[in-house]
Amino acid sequence: MNTRFAQIISVLLHPLLMPTFLLALLFFLSPDVVGVDVLSPGVRITLLGFVSMTTFVVPALGIYYLYRANYVKSLHLDDLSDRRLPYFITVLFYAFATYFFRFRLPPLSEIAPEIGIVLGSITVSIALVALISLLWKISAHSVGIGGMLGAVLGIVIKFGHTNLLYSLIVLIIITGLLISARLKLNAHTPAQAAAGLCLGLSISLCTIWWFV
């Protein structure tokens, strides 16, 4: 894997994009799991737009503001010291998104509470990344892709959704590519990447198994 390809993979699979990718997959391949099977495809796309706005666009703009205001030295957040404030601010955005989708968006909150539950598990993952980043540079990319992988694996095991098997295989391949890319860029050590993968996978898998 060359450096340019590793950079492209890292950007396309940015952790902030994982909630949008995961819910897009569930909305259209396993809509009954997240309670949106009663909604039309157009409504699901609109809903996905709201998810993307609150979990990607707004947090990304917040991080960009921190960069422009010289609170962080790089948008890549390469240094451990650069990661702390952006991560904690991102936790606040995600906590708001979780609360909004779970409690403040009737009747969707009653029809599809699973959306808030999934977002809640992602919020917990980011909060743990923020806490760990006070001392150690765990891989947020690995946490993100691990969370997506764990959610799909949990649905396949718990609900027997065999239509997600191909998606699961593709996710496993993508996970390997992403971790390889982060190692190629010297963004993380193998231990940091492995720890992130285990953290994201275990939290999402447990969430699906116990709460969905």
N, C-alpha and C. Protein backbone atom coordinates (compact mmCIF):
# COMPACT_ATOMS: atom_id res chain seq x y z
N MET A 1 0.85 -1.19 0.00
CA MET A 1 0.00 0.00 0.00
C MET A 1 0.89 1.25 0.00
N ASN A 2 0.67 2.13 -1.00
CA ASN A 2 1.46 3.35 -1.03
C ASN A 2 0.85 4.42 -0.13
N THR A 3 1.62 5.46 0.12
CA THR A 3 1.20 6.50 1.06
C THR A 3 -0.04 7.23 0.57
N ARG A 4 -0.11 7.52 -0.72
CA ARG A 4 -1.25 8.26 -1.26
C ARG A 4 -2.55 7.49 -1.07
N PHE A 5 -2.52 6.21 -1.36
CA PHE A 5 -3.72 5.38 -1.19
C PHE A 5 -4.11 5.30 0.28
N ALA A 6 -3.11 5.21 1.16
CA ALA A 6 -3.38 5.17 2.60
C ALA A 6 -4.06 6.45 3.07
N GLN A 7 -3.62 7.60 2.51
CA GLN A 7 -4.24 8.88 2.86
C GLN A 7 -5.68 8.94 2.39
N ILE A 8 -5.95 8.45 1.18
CA ILE A 8 -7.32 8.46 0.64
C ILE A 8 -8.23 7.59 1.49
N ILE A 9 -7.77 6.40 1.85
CA ILE A 9 -8.56 5.50 2.69
C ILE A 9 -8.86 6.15 4.03
N SER A 10 -7.89 6.82 4.61
CA SER A 10 -8.07 7.45 5.92
C SER A 10 -9.11 8.57 5.86
N VAL A 11 -9.13 9.31 4.75
CA VAL A 11 -10.10 10.40 4.60
C VAL A 11 -11.50 9.85 4.34
N LEU A 12 -11.61 8.90 3.43
CA LEU A 12 -12.92 8.35 3.08
C LEU A 12 -13.57 7.61 4.24
N LEU A 13 -12.75 7.05 5.11
CA LEU A 13 -13.27 6.30 6.26
C LEU A 13 -12.99 7.04 7.56
N HIS A 14 -13.15 8.36 7.52
CA HIS A 14 -12.96 9.18 8.71
C HIS A 14 -13.96 8.76 9.79
N PRO A 15 -13.55 8.74 11.05
CA PRO A 15 -14.45 8.30 12.14
C PRO A 15 -15.79 9.05 12.18
N LEU A 16 -15.79 10.34 11.84
CA LEU A 16 -17.03 11.11 11.89
C LEU A 16 -18.05 10.65 10.84
N LEU A 17 -17.59 9.93 9.82
CA LEU A 17 -18.49 9.43 8.78
C LEU A 17 -19.11 8.09 9.14
N MET A 18 -18.59 7.42 10.14
CA MET A 18 -19.06 6.08 10.45
C MET A 18 -20.54 6.00 10.85
N PRO A 19 -21.07 6.95 11.65
CA PRO A 19 -22.51 6.88 11.96
C PRO A 19 -23.39 6.96 10.71
N THR A 20 -23.01 7.82 9.78
CA THR A 20 -23.78 7.95 8.54
C THR A 20 -23.70 6.67 7.72
N PHE A 21 -22.51 6.11 7.58
CA PHE A 21 -22.34 4.87 6.82
C PHE A 21 -23.11 3.72 7.46
N LEU A 22 -23.00 3.61 8.78
CA LEU A 22 -23.67 2.50 9.48
C LEU A 22 -25.18 2.59 9.35
N LEU A 23 -25.73 3.77 9.63
CA LEU A 23 -27.19 3.91 9.57
C LEU A 23 -27.70 3.82 8.14
N ALA A 24 -26.93 4.25 7.16
CA ALA A 24 -27.32 4.08 5.76
C ALA A 24 -27.44 2.59 5.43
N LEU A 25 -26.48 1.82 5.90
CA LEU A 25 -26.50 0.37 5.68
C LEU A 25 -27.73 -0.25 6.33
N LEU A 26 -28.00 0.14 7.57
CA LEU A 26 -29.13 -0.45 8.30
C LEU A 26 -30.47 0.04 7.75
N PHE A 27 -30.56 1.30 7.39
CA PHE A 27 -31.81 1.86 6.86
C PHE A 27 -32.29 1.12 5.62
N PHE A 28 -31.35 0.66 4.79
CA PHE A 28 -31.75 0.10 3.50
C PHE A 28 -31.52 -1.41 3.37
N LEU A 29 -30.76 -2.01 4.27
CA LEU A 29 -30.58 -3.45 4.22
C LEU A 29 -31.23 -4.18 5.39
N SER A 30 -31.36 -3.51 6.53
CA SER A 30 -32.03 -4.10 7.70
C SER A 30 -32.91 -3.06 8.38
N PRO A 31 -33.86 -2.48 7.65
CA PRO A 31 -34.66 -1.38 8.22
C PRO A 31 -35.50 -1.79 9.42
N ASP A 32 -35.89 -3.06 9.50
CA ASP A 32 -36.72 -3.50 10.63
C ASP A 32 -35.95 -3.47 11.94
N VAL A 33 -34.64 -3.63 11.87
CA VAL A 33 -33.82 -3.65 13.09
C VAL A 33 -33.83 -2.28 13.77
N VAL A 34 -33.83 -1.21 12.96
CA VAL A 34 -33.83 0.13 13.52
C VAL A 34 -35.19 0.81 13.42
N GLY A 35 -36.22 0.04 13.10
CA GLY A 35 -37.58 0.53 13.15
C GLY A 35 -38.00 1.47 12.04
N VAL A 36 -37.24 1.53 10.94
CA VAL A 36 -37.60 2.46 9.86
C VAL A 36 -38.24 1.75 8.67
N ASP A 37 -38.59 0.47 8.85
CA ASP A 37 -39.20 -0.28 7.75
C ASP A 37 -40.57 0.28 7.37
N VAL A 38 -41.20 1.03 8.28
CA VAL A 38 -42.51 1.63 7.98
C VAL A 38 -42.36 2.96 7.23
N LEU A 39 -41.14 3.44 7.07
CA LEU A 39 -40.90 4.72 6.41
C LEU A 39 -40.52 4.50 4.95
N SER A 40 -40.89 5.43 4.11
CA SER A 40 -40.56 5.34 2.69
C SER A 40 -39.06 5.60 2.49
N PRO A 41 -38.51 5.15 1.37
CA PRO A 41 -37.08 5.41 1.10
C PRO A 41 -36.74 6.89 1.13
N GLY A 42 -37.65 7.74 0.63
CA GLY A 42 -37.39 9.17 0.64
C GLY A 42 -37.26 9.73 2.04
N VAL A 43 -38.13 9.27 2.94
CA VAL A 43 -38.08 9.71 4.33
C VAL A 43 -36.79 9.21 4.99
N ARG A 44 -36.40 7.99 4.66
CA ARG A 44 -35.17 7.44 5.23
C ARG A 44 -33.95 8.26 4.79
N ILE A 45 -33.93 8.67 3.52
CA ILE A 45 -32.83 9.48 3.02
C ILE A 45 -32.79 10.83 3.74
N THR A 46 -33.96 11.43 3.93
CA THR A 46 -34.03 12.70 4.65
C THR A 46 -33.52 12.54 6.07
N LEU A 47 -33.95 11.46 6.72
CA LEU A 47 -33.53 11.19 8.09
C LEU A 47 -32.02 10.98 8.15
N LEU A 48 -31.50 10.29 7.15
CA LEU A 48 -30.05 10.06 7.09
C LEU A 48 -29.30 11.38 6.92
N GLY A 49 -29.92 12.32 6.21
CA GLY A 49 -29.32 13.64 6.06
C GLY A 49 -29.20 14.35 7.40
N PHE A 50 -30.24 14.22 8.24
CA PHE A 50 -30.19 14.82 9.57
C PHE A 50 -29.09 14.16 10.42
N VAL A 51 -28.97 12.85 10.29
CA VAL A 51 -27.93 12.13 11.02
C VAL A 51 -26.55 12.63 10.59
N SER A 52 -26.34 12.75 9.29
CA SER A 52 -25.06 13.21 8.76
C SER A 52 -24.76 14.64 9.21
N MET A 53 -25.79 15.48 9.23
CA MET A 53 -25.60 16.87 9.65
C MET A 53 -25.13 16.95 11.11
N THR A 54 -25.76 16.16 11.98
CA THR A 54 -25.46 16.26 13.41
C THR A 54 -24.23 15.47 13.84
N THR A 55 -23.85 14.45 13.07
CA THR A 55 -22.72 13.63 13.48
C THR A 55 -21.47 13.82 12.63
N PHE A 56 -21.61 14.49 11.49
CA PHE A 56 -20.43 14.74 10.65
C PHE A 56 -20.21 16.23 10.38
N VAL A 57 -21.19 16.88 9.77
CA VAL A 57 -21.00 18.27 9.33
C VAL A 57 -20.73 19.20 10.51
N VAL A 58 -21.60 19.18 11.52
CA VAL A 58 -21.44 20.10 12.66
C VAL A 58 -20.15 19.81 13.44
N PRO A 59 -19.86 18.55 13.80
CA PRO A 59 -18.58 18.30 14.49
C PRO A 59 -17.36 18.67 13.65
N ALA A 60 -17.43 18.40 12.34
CA ALA A 60 -16.30 18.74 11.47
C ALA A 60 -16.08 20.25 11.43
N LEU A 61 -17.17 21.00 11.37
CA LEU A 61 -17.04 22.45 11.40
C LEU A 61 -16.47 22.93 12.74
N GLY A 62 -16.86 22.25 13.82
CA GLY A 62 -16.32 22.60 15.13
C GLY A 62 -14.82 22.39 15.20
N ILE A 63 -14.36 21.27 14.65
CA ILE A 63 -12.93 20.99 14.63
C ILE A 63 -12.19 21.99 13.75
N TYR A 64 -12.81 22.34 12.63
CA TYR A 64 -12.20 23.33 11.74
C TYR A 64 -12.07 24.68 12.44
N TYR A 65 -13.09 25.06 13.21
CA TYR A 65 -13.02 26.31 13.96
C TYR A 65 -11.86 26.27 14.97
N LEU A 66 -11.69 25.14 15.65
CA LEU A 66 -10.59 25.02 16.61
C LEU A 66 -9.24 25.18 15.91
N TYR A 67 -9.17 24.64 14.69
CA TYR A 67 -7.93 24.77 13.92
C TYR A 67 -7.68 26.22 13.52
N ARG A 68 -8.71 26.87 13.02
CA ARG A 68 -8.56 28.26 12.60
C ARG A 68 -8.26 29.18 13.78
N ALA A 69 -8.76 28.82 14.95
CA ALA A 69 -8.53 29.63 16.14
C ALA A 69 -7.24 29.26 16.85
N ASN A 70 -6.47 28.35 16.22
CA ASN A 70 -5.16 27.92 16.75
C ASN A 70 -5.24 27.14 18.06
N TYR A 71 -6.39 26.51 18.30
CA TYR A 71 -6.48 25.62 19.46
C TYR A 71 -5.86 24.26 19.15
N VAL A 72 -5.83 23.90 17.87
CA VAL A 72 -5.15 22.68 17.45
C VAL A 72 -4.21 23.03 16.30
N LYS A 73 -3.13 22.30 16.17
CA LYS A 73 -2.10 22.64 15.19
C LYS A 73 -2.39 22.06 13.81
N SER A 74 -3.15 20.97 13.76
CA SER A 74 -3.41 20.31 12.48
C SER A 74 -4.81 19.72 12.46
N LEU A 75 -5.43 19.76 11.29
CA LEU A 75 -6.75 19.14 11.14
C LEU A 75 -6.67 17.62 11.24
N HIS A 76 -5.48 17.08 11.03
CA HIS A 76 -5.31 15.64 11.15
C HIS A 76 -5.24 15.17 12.60
N LEU A 77 -5.08 16.11 13.52
CA LEU A 77 -5.00 15.80 14.96
C LEU A 77 -3.94 14.74 15.23
N ASP A 78 -2.77 14.96 14.65
CA ASP A 78 -1.69 13.97 14.77
C ASP A 78 -1.12 13.89 16.19
N ASP A 79 -1.01 15.04 16.84
CA ASP A 79 -0.44 15.07 18.18
C ASP A 79 -1.49 14.73 19.23
N LEU A 80 -1.06 14.05 20.27
CA LEU A 80 -1.99 13.68 21.34
C LEU A 80 -2.63 14.91 21.97
N SER A 81 -1.86 15.97 22.13
CA SER A 81 -2.38 17.18 22.76
C SER A 81 -3.47 17.84 21.90
N ASP A 82 -3.39 17.64 20.57
CA ASP A 82 -4.39 18.22 19.67
C ASP A 82 -5.72 17.47 19.74
N ARG A 83 -5.72 16.24 20.21
CA ARG A 83 -6.90 15.41 20.14
C ARG A 83 -7.89 15.66 21.28
N ARG A 84 -7.41 16.15 22.40
CA ARG A 84 -8.24 16.17 23.60
C ARG A 84 -9.45 17.08 23.47
N LEU A 85 -9.25 18.34 23.15
CA LEU A 85 -10.37 19.28 23.06
C LEU A 85 -11.34 18.91 21.94
N PRO A 86 -10.87 18.61 20.72
CA PRO A 86 -11.81 18.21 19.66
C PRO A 86 -12.63 16.99 20.02
N TYR A 87 -12.02 16.01 20.69
CA TYR A 87 -12.75 14.80 21.03
C TYR A 87 -13.85 15.08 22.05
N PHE A 88 -13.54 15.89 23.05
CA PHE A 88 -14.55 16.19 24.07
C PHE A 88 -15.68 17.04 23.49
N ILE A 89 -15.36 17.94 22.59
CA ILE A 89 -16.40 18.72 21.94
C ILE A 89 -17.27 17.81 21.06
N THR A 90 -16.64 16.87 20.36
CA THR A 90 -17.38 15.92 19.54
C THR A 90 -18.32 15.07 20.39
N VAL A 91 -17.88 14.70 21.57
CA VAL A 91 -18.75 13.95 22.49
C VAL A 91 -20.01 14.74 22.80
N LEU A 92 -19.87 16.04 23.01
CA LEU A 92 -21.03 16.88 23.31
C LEU A 92 -21.99 16.91 22.12
N PHE A 93 -21.46 17.05 20.91
CA PHE A 93 -22.31 17.04 19.72
C PHE A 93 -23.05 15.70 19.58
N TYR A 94 -22.33 14.62 19.80
CA TYR A 94 -22.94 13.30 19.65
C TYR A 94 -23.95 13.03 20.76
N ALA A 95 -23.68 13.52 21.95
CA ALA A 95 -24.63 13.36 23.04
C ALA A 95 -25.93 14.10 22.72
N PHE A 96 -25.79 15.30 22.14
CA PHE A 96 -26.97 16.05 21.73
C PHE A 96 -27.75 15.28 20.66
N ALA A 97 -27.03 14.74 19.66
CA ALA A 97 -27.69 13.99 18.60
C ALA A 97 -28.42 12.78 19.16
N THR A 98 -27.79 12.09 20.11
CA THR A 98 -28.42 10.93 20.74
C THR A 98 -29.70 11.34 21.46
N TYR A 99 -29.62 12.39 22.25
CA TYR A 99 -30.79 12.87 22.98
C TYR A 99 -31.90 13.31 22.02
N PHE A 100 -31.51 14.00 20.95
CA PHE A 100 -32.49 14.51 20.00
C PHE A 100 -33.24 13.37 19.32
N PHE A 101 -32.51 12.39 18.80
CA PHE A 101 -33.16 11.29 18.08
C PHE A 101 -33.88 10.33 19.02
N ARG A 102 -33.42 10.24 20.25
CA ARG A 102 -34.04 9.28 21.18
C ARG A 102 -35.26 9.85 21.88
N PHE A 103 -35.26 11.16 22.18
CA PHE A 103 -36.32 11.71 23.02
C PHE A 103 -37.06 12.92 22.46
N ARG A 104 -36.47 13.64 21.52
CA ARG A 104 -37.04 14.92 21.11
C ARG A 104 -37.54 14.95 19.67
N LEU A 105 -37.75 13.81 19.06
CA LEU A 105 -38.19 13.78 17.68
C LEU A 105 -39.40 12.86 17.50
N PRO A 106 -40.50 13.16 18.21
CA PRO A 106 -41.69 12.34 18.03
C PRO A 106 -42.31 12.60 16.65
N PRO A 107 -42.96 11.57 16.04
CA PRO A 107 -43.17 10.23 16.59
C PRO A 107 -42.01 9.27 16.29
N LEU A 108 -40.94 9.78 15.64
CA LEU A 108 -39.82 8.90 15.31
C LEU A 108 -39.21 8.28 16.55
N SER A 109 -39.16 9.02 17.64
CA SER A 109 -38.58 8.51 18.87
C SER A 109 -39.31 7.26 19.37
N GLU A 110 -40.63 7.20 19.10
CA GLU A 110 -41.40 6.03 19.50
C GLU A 110 -41.32 4.91 18.46
N ILE A 111 -41.30 5.30 17.18
CA ILE A 111 -41.26 4.31 16.10
C ILE A 111 -39.90 3.64 16.00
N ALA A 112 -38.85 4.44 16.10
CA ALA A 112 -37.49 3.93 15.88
C ALA A 112 -36.53 4.37 16.98
N PRO A 113 -36.76 3.93 18.23
CA PRO A 113 -35.83 4.31 19.31
C PRO A 113 -34.44 3.73 19.11
N GLU A 114 -34.35 2.71 18.24
CA GLU A 114 -33.06 2.07 18.00
C GLU A 114 -32.04 3.02 17.40
N ILE A 115 -32.52 4.04 16.67
CA ILE A 115 -31.59 5.02 16.10
C ILE A 115 -30.84 5.73 17.23
N GLY A 116 -31.57 6.17 18.25
CA GLY A 116 -30.95 6.82 19.39
C GLY A 116 -30.03 5.89 20.16
N ILE A 117 -30.42 4.61 20.22
CA ILE A 117 -29.59 3.63 20.92
C ILE A 117 -28.26 3.43 20.19
N VAL A 118 -28.31 3.31 18.88
CA VAL A 118 -27.09 3.16 18.08
C VAL A 118 -26.20 4.40 18.23
N LEU A 119 -26.81 5.58 18.13
CA LEU A 119 -26.04 6.81 18.31
C LEU A 119 -25.47 6.91 19.72
N GLY A 120 -26.23 6.42 20.70
CA GLY A 120 -25.75 6.42 22.08
C GLY A 120 -24.51 5.56 22.25
N SER A 121 -24.50 4.40 21.60
CA SER A 121 -23.33 3.52 21.70
C SER A 121 -22.10 4.17 21.06
N ILE A 122 -22.33 4.90 19.95
CA ILE A 122 -21.23 5.60 19.30
C ILE A 122 -20.71 6.72 20.20
N THR A 123 -21.64 7.40 20.87
CA THR A 123 -21.25 8.46 21.81
C THR A 123 -20.39 7.92 22.94
N VAL A 124 -20.78 6.76 23.47
CA VAL A 124 -19.99 6.12 24.53
C VAL A 124 -18.59 5.79 24.02
N SER A 125 -18.51 5.28 22.80
CA SER A 125 -17.21 4.95 22.23
C SER A 125 -16.31 6.18 22.12
N ILE A 126 -16.90 7.28 21.62
CA ILE A 126 -16.11 8.51 21.47
C ILE A 126 -15.70 9.06 22.83
N ALA A 127 -16.60 8.97 23.80
CA ALA A 127 -16.27 9.44 25.14
C ALA A 127 -15.08 8.66 25.71
N LEU A 128 -15.07 7.35 25.49
CA LEU A 128 -13.96 6.54 25.97
C LEU A 128 -12.66 6.88 25.22
N VAL A 129 -12.78 7.14 23.92
CA VAL A 129 -11.61 7.57 23.15
C VAL A 129 -11.07 8.88 23.71
N ALA A 130 -11.98 9.80 24.03
CA ALA A 130 -11.56 11.10 24.58
C ALA A 130 -10.84 10.92 25.91
N LEU A 131 -11.36 10.05 26.75
CA LEU A 131 -10.73 9.81 28.06
C LEU A 131 -9.37 9.13 27.90
N ILE A 132 -9.31 8.12 27.03
CA ILE A 132 -8.05 7.41 26.81
C ILE A 132 -7.01 8.36 26.21
N SER A 133 -7.48 9.29 25.36
CA SER A 133 -6.57 10.21 24.69
C SER A 133 -5.94 11.23 25.63
N LEU A 134 -6.41 11.28 26.86
CA LEU A 134 -5.72 12.11 27.85
C LEU A 134 -4.33 11.58 28.13
N LEU A 135 -4.15 10.28 27.90
CA LEU A 135 -2.87 9.65 28.22
C LEU A 135 -2.24 8.87 27.07
N TRP A 136 -3.07 8.42 26.12
CA TRP A 136 -2.58 7.47 25.12
C TRP A 136 -3.30 7.71 23.80
N LYS A 137 -2.61 7.54 22.69
CA LYS A 137 -3.14 7.86 21.36
C LYS A 137 -3.82 6.64 20.73
N ILE A 138 -4.98 6.26 21.26
CA ILE A 138 -5.73 5.15 20.68
C ILE A 138 -6.26 5.57 19.31
N SER A 139 -6.43 4.62 18.41
CA SER A 139 -6.84 4.92 17.05
C SER A 139 -8.35 5.14 16.95
N ALA A 140 -8.75 6.38 16.67
CA ALA A 140 -10.17 6.68 16.50
C ALA A 140 -10.71 6.05 15.21
N HIS A 141 -9.87 5.97 14.18
CA HIS A 141 -10.30 5.30 12.95
C HIS A 141 -10.65 3.84 13.22
N SER A 142 -9.83 3.17 14.01
CA SER A 142 -10.09 1.77 14.33
C SER A 142 -11.35 1.62 15.18
N VAL A 143 -11.56 2.56 16.10
CA VAL A 143 -12.78 2.52 16.92
C VAL A 143 -14.00 2.68 16.02
N GLY A 144 -13.94 3.60 15.07
CA GLY A 144 -15.08 3.84 14.19
C GLY A 144 -15.42 2.64 13.33
N ILE A 145 -14.44 2.10 12.64
CA ILE A 145 -14.70 0.95 11.76
C ILE A 145 -15.02 -0.29 12.59
N GLY A 146 -14.42 -0.39 13.78
CA GLY A 146 -14.73 -1.51 14.66
C GLY A 146 -16.17 -1.45 15.14
N GLY A 147 -16.67 -0.23 15.40
CA GLY A 147 -18.06 -0.07 15.81
C GLY A 147 -19.01 -0.49 14.71
N MET A 148 -18.70 -0.12 13.50
CA MET A 148 -19.55 -0.51 12.37
C MET A 148 -19.52 -2.01 12.16
N LEU A 149 -18.35 -2.59 12.24
CA LEU A 149 -18.19 -4.03 12.09
C LEU A 149 -18.94 -4.78 13.18
N GLY A 150 -18.83 -4.31 14.43
CA GLY A 150 -19.50 -4.97 15.54
C GLY A 150 -21.01 -4.90 15.43
N ALA A 151 -21.53 -3.77 14.97
CA ALA A 151 -22.98 -3.62 14.82
C ALA A 151 -23.53 -4.59 13.78
N VAL A 152 -22.87 -4.67 12.63
CA VAL A 152 -23.33 -5.57 11.57
C VAL A 152 -23.20 -7.03 12.01
N LEU A 153 -22.09 -7.36 12.66
CA LEU A 153 -21.89 -8.72 13.16
C LEU A 153 -22.97 -9.07 14.19
N GLY A 154 -23.29 -8.13 15.08
CA GLY A 154 -24.31 -8.38 16.09
C GLY A 154 -25.67 -8.63 15.47
N ILE A 155 -26.01 -7.88 14.44
CA ILE A 155 -27.30 -8.05 13.77
C ILE A 155 -27.37 -9.39 13.06
N VAL A 156 -26.29 -9.78 12.41
CA VAL A 156 -26.25 -11.07 11.72
C VAL A 156 -26.44 -12.21 12.72
N ILE A 157 -25.76 -12.12 13.87
CA ILE A 157 -25.84 -13.18 14.87
C ILE A 157 -27.19 -13.19 15.58
N LYS A 158 -27.65 -12.02 16.02
CA LYS A 158 -28.87 -11.95 16.83
C LYS A 158 -30.14 -12.13 16.02
N PHE A 159 -30.20 -11.49 14.86
CA PHE A 159 -31.43 -11.50 14.08
C PHE A 159 -31.37 -12.43 12.87
N GLY A 160 -30.21 -12.99 12.61
CA GLY A 160 -30.09 -13.92 11.50
C GLY A 160 -30.29 -13.27 10.15
N HIS A 161 -29.89 -12.00 10.02
CA HIS A 161 -30.05 -11.29 8.75
C HIS A 161 -28.93 -11.69 7.79
N THR A 162 -29.18 -12.77 7.06
CA THR A 162 -28.15 -13.28 6.16
C THR A 162 -27.89 -12.33 4.99
N ASN A 163 -28.83 -11.39 4.73
CA ASN A 163 -28.60 -10.43 3.64
C ASN A 163 -27.46 -9.47 3.97
N LEU A 164 -27.03 -9.47 5.24
CA LEU A 164 -25.90 -8.61 5.63
C LEU A 164 -24.56 -9.35 5.59
N LEU A 165 -24.58 -10.62 5.21
CA LEU A 165 -23.34 -11.39 5.21
C LEU A 165 -22.31 -10.81 4.23
N TYR A 166 -22.77 -10.44 3.03
CA TYR A 166 -21.84 -9.86 2.07
C TYR A 166 -21.30 -8.52 2.58
N SER A 167 -22.17 -7.74 3.21
CA SER A 167 -21.73 -6.47 3.79
C SER A 167 -20.70 -6.71 4.88
N LEU A 168 -20.91 -7.76 5.68
CA LEU A 168 -19.98 -8.10 6.75
C LEU A 168 -18.61 -8.47 6.19
N ILE A 169 -18.61 -9.26 5.12
CA ILE A 169 -17.34 -9.65 4.49
C ILE A 169 -16.60 -8.43 3.95
N VAL A 170 -17.36 -7.55 3.29
CA VAL A 170 -16.75 -6.32 2.75
C VAL A 170 -16.20 -5.47 3.88
N LEU A 171 -16.93 -5.38 4.99
CA LEU A 171 -16.48 -4.59 6.14
C LEU A 171 -15.20 -5.15 6.73
N ILE A 172 -15.09 -6.46 6.78
CA ILE A 172 -13.86 -7.09 7.30
C ILE A 172 -12.67 -6.70 6.42
N ILE A 173 -12.87 -6.74 5.09
CA ILE A 173 -11.80 -6.36 4.17
C ILE A 173 -11.45 -4.88 4.34
N ILE A 174 -12.48 -4.03 4.44
CA ILE A 174 -12.26 -2.59 4.60
C ILE A 174 -11.54 -2.31 5.92
N THR A 175 -11.90 -3.04 6.96
CA THR A 175 -11.24 -2.87 8.26
C THR A 175 -9.75 -3.15 8.15
N GLY A 176 -9.42 -4.23 7.46
CA GLY A 176 -8.01 -4.55 7.25
C GLY A 176 -7.28 -3.47 6.47
N LEU A 177 -7.94 -2.95 5.43
CA LEU A 177 -7.33 -1.88 4.62
C LEU A 177 -7.11 -0.62 5.45
N LEU A 178 -8.11 -0.26 6.24
CA LEU A 178 -8.01 0.97 7.03
C LEU A 178 -6.91 0.87 8.08
N ILE A 179 -6.86 -0.24 8.79
CA ILE A 179 -5.81 -0.40 9.80
C ILE A 179 -4.43 -0.40 9.15
N SER A 180 -4.33 -1.06 7.99
CA SER A 180 -3.06 -1.06 7.26
C SER A 180 -2.67 0.35 6.84
N ALA A 181 -3.68 1.14 6.43
CA ALA A 181 -3.42 2.52 6.03
C ALA A 181 -2.92 3.36 7.19
N ARG A 182 -3.54 3.21 8.35
CA ARG A 182 -3.11 3.98 9.52
C ARG A 182 -1.70 3.61 9.95
N LEU A 183 -1.37 2.34 9.82
CA LEU A 183 -0.01 1.90 10.16
C LEU A 183 0.99 2.40 9.12
N LYS A 184 0.58 2.38 7.84
CA LYS A 184 1.45 2.86 6.77
C LYS A 184 1.79 4.33 6.96
N LEU A 185 0.82 5.10 7.44
CA LEU A 185 1.03 6.54 7.64
C LEU A 185 1.74 6.84 8.96
N ASN A 186 2.06 5.79 9.72
CA ASN A 186 2.68 5.95 11.04
C ASN A 186 1.82 6.80 11.97
N ALA A 187 0.50 6.74 11.75
CA ALA A 187 -0.43 7.48 12.60
C ALA A 187 -0.61 6.79 13.94
N HIS A 188 -0.40 5.46 13.95
CA HIS A 188 -0.59 4.69 15.17
C HIS A 188 0.34 3.49 15.19
N THR A 189 0.54 2.96 16.37
CA THR A 189 1.25 1.71 16.53
C THR A 189 0.25 0.56 16.37
N PRO A 190 0.72 -0.66 16.12
CA PRO A 190 -0.20 -1.80 16.04
C PRO A 190 -1.05 -1.95 17.31
N ALA A 191 -0.48 -1.67 18.47
CA ALA A 191 -1.24 -1.79 19.72
C ALA A 191 -2.38 -0.77 19.78
N GLN A 192 -2.11 0.45 19.32
CA GLN A 192 -3.14 1.49 19.34
C GLN A 192 -4.27 1.16 18.36
N ALA A 193 -3.91 0.63 17.22
CA ALA A 193 -4.91 0.24 16.23
C ALA A 193 -5.74 -0.94 16.72
N ALA A 194 -5.08 -1.93 17.30
CA ALA A 194 -5.78 -3.11 17.80
C ALA A 194 -6.71 -2.75 18.97
N ALA A 195 -6.22 -1.88 19.85
CA ALA A 195 -7.05 -1.46 20.99
C ALA A 195 -8.29 -0.73 20.52
N GLY A 196 -8.14 0.14 19.51
CA GLY A 196 -9.28 0.86 18.97
C GLY A 196 -10.29 -0.08 18.34
N LEU A 197 -9.81 -1.05 17.59
CA LEU A 197 -10.70 -2.02 16.96
C LEU A 197 -11.49 -2.80 18.00
N CYS A 198 -10.81 -3.27 19.02
CA CYS A 198 -11.47 -4.04 20.08
C CYS A 198 -12.49 -3.20 20.84
N LEU A 199 -12.15 -1.95 21.09
CA LEU A 199 -13.07 -1.06 21.81
C LEU A 199 -14.34 -0.82 21.01
N GLY A 200 -14.19 -0.40 19.76
CA GLY A 200 -15.35 -0.12 18.94
C GLY A 200 -16.21 -1.34 18.70
N LEU A 201 -15.57 -2.47 18.41
CA LEU A 201 -16.31 -3.70 18.13
C LEU A 201 -17.08 -4.19 19.34
N SER A 202 -16.44 -4.18 20.50
CA SER A 202 -17.09 -4.72 21.70
C SER A 202 -18.27 -3.87 22.15
N ILE A 203 -18.15 -2.55 22.09
CA ILE A 203 -19.24 -1.68 22.52
C ILE A 203 -20.44 -1.82 21.60
N SER A 204 -20.22 -1.80 20.30
CA SER A 204 -21.34 -1.89 19.36
C SER A 204 -21.98 -3.28 19.39
N LEU A 205 -21.16 -4.31 19.51
CA LEU A 205 -21.69 -5.67 19.57
C LEU A 205 -22.56 -5.87 20.81
N CYS A 206 -22.10 -5.37 21.94
CA CYS A 206 -22.87 -5.48 23.18
C CYS A 206 -24.15 -4.65 23.11
N THR A 207 -24.08 -3.50 22.46
CA THR A 207 -25.27 -2.66 22.31
C THR A 207 -26.35 -3.35 21.51
N ILE A 208 -25.95 -3.92 20.37
CA ILE A 208 -26.92 -4.64 19.53
C ILE A 208 -27.49 -5.84 20.28
N TRP A 209 -26.64 -6.54 20.98
CA TRP A 209 -27.06 -7.79 21.65
C TRP A 209 -28.02 -7.51 22.82
N TRP A 210 -27.76 -6.46 23.57
CA TRP A 210 -28.53 -6.22 24.80
C TRP A 210 -29.64 -5.18 24.68
N PHE A 211 -29.50 -4.23 23.76
CA PHE A 211 -30.42 -3.10 23.76
C PHE A 211 -31.26 -2.94 22.50
N VAL A 212 -30.90 -3.63 21.42
CA VAL A 212 -31.67 -3.49 20.17
C VAL A 212 -32.61 -4.68 20.00
